Protein backbone atom coordinates (compact mmCIF):
# COMPACT_ATOMS: atom_id res chain seq x y z
CA MET A 1 11.10 31.77 19.33
CA VAL A 2 14.81 30.91 19.15
CA VAL A 3 15.71 34.61 18.97
CA PHE A 4 13.63 35.27 22.09
CA LEU A 5 15.43 32.51 23.99
CA VAL A 6 18.85 33.80 22.91
CA VAL A 7 17.96 37.35 23.98
CA LEU A 8 16.60 36.05 27.29
CA ILE A 9 19.78 34.05 27.97
CA LEU A 10 21.97 37.05 27.13
CA LEU A 11 19.87 39.29 29.40
CA LEU A 12 20.08 36.84 32.26
CA ALA A 13 23.83 36.49 31.77
CA ALA A 14 24.23 40.28 31.74
CA LEU A 15 22.28 40.57 35.00
CA GLY A 16 24.30 37.80 36.61
CA VAL A 17 21.40 35.46 37.33
CA LEU A 18 21.92 33.00 34.51
CA GLY A 19 23.12 30.27 36.88
CA LEU A 20 20.08 30.70 39.10
CA ALA A 21 17.72 30.65 36.12
CA LEU A 22 19.34 27.48 34.78
CA LYS A 23 19.07 25.81 38.20
CA ILE A 24 15.38 26.69 38.42
CA ALA A 25 14.76 25.47 34.87
CA ALA A 26 16.60 22.21 35.55
CA ALA A 27 14.66 21.66 38.80
CA LEU A 28 11.34 22.30 37.05
CA PHE A 29 12.23 19.97 34.20
CA LEU A 30 13.34 17.23 36.60
CA GLY A 31 10.22 17.59 38.75
CA ILE A 32 7.87 17.47 35.77
CA THR A 33 9.74 14.47 34.34
CA ILE A 34 9.56 12.53 37.63
CA ALA A 35 5.85 13.32 37.99
CA ALA A 36 5.12 12.18 34.42
CA VAL A 37 7.02 8.92 34.92
CA ALA A 38 5.22 8.29 38.23
CA PHE A 39 1.80 8.86 36.62
CA ALA A 40 2.71 6.59 33.73
CA LEU A 41 3.79 3.79 36.09
CA VAL A 42 0.65 4.09 38.21
CA GLY A 43 -1.49 4.04 35.08
CA TYR A 44 0.35 1.02 33.72
CA TYR A 45 -0.11 -0.97 36.92
CA LEU A 46 -3.78 0.01 37.19
CA VAL A 47 -4.49 -1.09 33.62
CA ARG A 48 -2.51 -4.31 34.12
CA HIS A 49 -4.44 -5.09 37.31
CA GLN A 50 -7.79 -4.52 35.61
CA LEU A 51 -6.81 -6.68 32.64
CA ARG A 52 -5.70 -9.55 34.86
CA LYS A 53 -8.89 -9.29 36.92
CA ALA A 54 -11.02 -9.34 33.77
CA GLN A 55 -9.04 -12.28 32.38
CA ALA A 56 -9.53 -14.26 35.61
CA SER A 57 -13.25 -13.46 35.61
CA PHE A 58 -13.59 -14.47 31.97
CA SER A 59 -11.71 -17.73 32.42
CA ALA A 60 -13.76 -18.56 35.52
CA ALA A 61 -16.97 -17.95 33.57
CA MET A 62 -15.84 -20.13 30.67
CA THR A 63 -14.81 -23.21 32.70
CA PRO A 64 -17.62 -25.76 33.02
CA GLN A 65 -18.71 -26.50 36.58
CA SER A 66 -19.46 -30.00 37.80
CA SER A 67 -22.97 -30.88 38.95
CA GLY A 68 -21.76 -31.43 42.52
CA ALA A 69 -20.55 -27.87 42.77
CA MET A 70 -23.96 -26.53 41.84
CA GLY A 71 -25.60 -27.71 45.08
CA THR A 72 -26.04 -26.01 48.39
CA THR A 73 -23.32 -24.13 50.19
CA VAL A 74 -24.66 -25.09 53.60
CA GLU A 75 -22.61 -27.76 55.36
CA VAL A 76 -24.83 -30.62 56.47
CA GLY A 77 -23.56 -33.01 59.10
CA ARG A 78 -24.55 -35.02 62.12
CA PRO A 79 -25.45 -32.95 65.19
CA THR A 80 -23.06 -33.07 68.08
CA ARG A 81 -23.53 -32.64 71.81
CA ASP A 82 -21.81 -29.27 71.53
CA ASP A 83 -24.88 -27.78 69.86
CA PRO A 84 -26.97 -25.65 72.23
CA PRO A 85 -30.40 -27.04 73.19
CA VAL A 86 -33.29 -25.77 71.15
CA ASP A 87 -36.58 -24.93 72.85
CA ASP A 88 -39.34 -25.52 70.29
CA ARG A 89 -42.27 -24.92 72.64
CA TYR A 90 -43.02 -21.44 71.36
């Protein structure tokens, strides 16, 4: 493998395109490296978000609720004059 790379470098140098080949190789390496780092960061933040969401759900499920909070969610109050009239004839 090393011999192949040495022969390839010598061939490229003899043809005068070694600089171009090195620029292409460096650009490919840099692009692949940036893509890998970006995927790793996105994966890290996705996993962190899911863990925090699960932790919040677990802690909410483990906290005891008071008996007053277990009642209805409908607000009950005195009727006001702003309420529209209701026709109960039908």
